[in-house]
């Protein structure tokens, strides 16, 4: 039943990447948790650091999925740019 509640675009993207809708939803929850952790990072650096590392892993996974699908470089540039931003955040947090 939860799959029927997914937006059509989310169902399409999940199928396109080879993930189930439930897995795609879990990835989204991990992304939101990472963003919340990064936002709290200045107040709780350990949490921000863990969240940043988690986001880097998610972004690396996104690049791997795009490469396996044979997508053009332009499709995974946003993930690569976000990875650079997260790495910069981690450097600023702990430098």
Protein backbone atom coordinates (compact mmCIF):
# COMPACT_ATOMS: atom_id res chain seq x y z
CA UNK A 1 0.00 0.00 0.00
CA UNK A 2 2.84 2.43 0.73
CA UNK A 3 4.05 2.08 -2.86
CA UNK A 4 0.75 3.43 -4.09
CA UNK A 5 1.29 6.53 -1.92
CA UNK A 6 4.56 7.37 -3.67
CA UNK A 7 4.51 10.22 -6.15
CA UNK A 8 4.66 9.04 -9.76
CA UNK A 9 8.04 10.73 -10.25
CA UNK A 10 9.45 8.96 -7.16
CA UNK A 11 8.20 5.59 -8.46
CA UNK A 12 9.75 6.35 -11.85
CA UNK A 13 13.13 7.35 -10.37
CA UNK A 14 13.18 4.31 -8.09
CA UNK A 15 12.55 1.98 -11.02
CA UNK A 16 15.08 3.82 -13.17
CA UNK A 17 17.83 3.32 -10.59
CA UNK A 18 16.87 -0.28 -9.85
CA UNK A 19 15.67 0.40 -6.30
CA UNK A 20 12.31 -0.49 -4.81
CA UNK A 21 10.09 2.40 -3.79
CA UNK A 22 10.66 1.43 -0.14
CA UNK A 23 14.46 1.53 -0.58
CA UNK A 24 14.22 4.83 -2.41
CA UNK A 25 12.14 6.20 0.46
CA UNK A 26 14.74 5.00 3.02
CA UNK A 27 17.46 6.76 1.05
CA UNK A 28 15.39 9.95 1.23
CA UNK A 29 15.02 9.57 5.00
CA UNK A 30 18.80 9.13 5.31
CA UNK A 31 19.31 12.29 3.25
CA UNK A 32 16.98 14.27 5.49
CA UNK A 33 18.70 12.92 8.61
CA UNK A 34 22.06 13.92 7.12
CA UNK A 35 20.86 17.44 6.41
CA UNK A 36 19.48 17.76 9.95
CA UNK A 37 22.78 16.52 11.38
CA UNK A 38 24.78 18.94 9.27
CA UNK A 39 22.51 21.79 10.37
CA UNK A 40 23.16 20.88 14.00
CA UNK A 41 26.88 20.40 13.36
CA UNK A 42 28.04 23.80 14.59
CA UNK A 43 26.34 23.13 17.94
CA UNK A 44 27.25 19.43 18.13
CA UNK A 45 30.38 18.90 16.00
CA UNK A 46 30.46 15.11 16.47
CA UNK A 47 26.92 14.83 15.12
CA UNK A 48 27.74 17.17 12.23
CA UNK A 49 30.83 15.13 11.41
CA UNK A 50 28.94 11.83 11.39
CA UNK A 51 26.16 13.36 9.31
CA UNK A 52 28.67 14.80 6.84
CA UNK A 53 30.42 11.46 6.43
CA UNK A 54 27.04 9.77 5.96
CA UNK A 55 26.09 12.27 3.27
CA UNK A 56 29.43 11.73 1.53
CA UNK A 57 28.70 7.99 1.45
CA UNK A 58 25.22 8.60 0.03
CA UNK A 59 26.62 10.93 -2.61
CA UNK A 60 29.32 8.43 -3.54
CA UNK A 61 26.58 5.82 -3.89
CA UNK A 62 24.65 8.15 -6.18
CA UNK A 63 27.68 8.59 -8.43
CA UNK A 64 28.21 4.81 -8.53
CA UNK A 65 24.57 4.23 -9.52
CA UNK A 66 24.88 6.80 -12.33
CA UNK A 67 28.13 5.26 -13.56
CA UNK A 68 26.67 1.73 -13.55
CA UNK A 69 23.68 2.95 -15.56
CA UNK A 70 26.02 4.57 -18.07
CA UNK A 71 24.49 7.99 -17.53
CA UNK A 72 26.21 11.02 -19.06
CA UNK A 73 28.50 13.02 -16.77
CA UNK A 74 25.97 15.85 -16.53
CA UNK A 75 23.58 13.62 -14.56
CA UNK A 76 25.99 13.01 -11.70
CA UNK A 77 27.65 16.43 -11.57
CA UNK A 78 25.12 17.61 -8.94
CA UNK A 79 26.11 14.71 -6.65
CA UNK A 80 29.79 15.46 -7.18
CA UNK A 81 29.30 19.19 -6.47
CA UNK A 82 27.33 18.37 -3.31
CA UNK A 83 30.12 16.01 -2.23
CA UNK A 84 32.62 18.86 -2.58
CA UNK A 85 30.33 21.11 -0.53
CA UNK A 86 29.95 18.48 2.21
CA UNK A 87 33.72 17.88 2.25
CA UNK A 88 34.23 21.65 2.59
CA UNK A 89 31.73 21.72 5.45
CA UNK A 90 33.62 18.92 7.22
CA UNK A 91 36.91 20.72 6.73
CA UNK A 92 35.44 23.96 8.13
CA UNK A 93 33.84 22.10 11.04
CA UNK A 94 37.07 20.45 12.17
CA UNK A 95 39.80 22.82 10.93
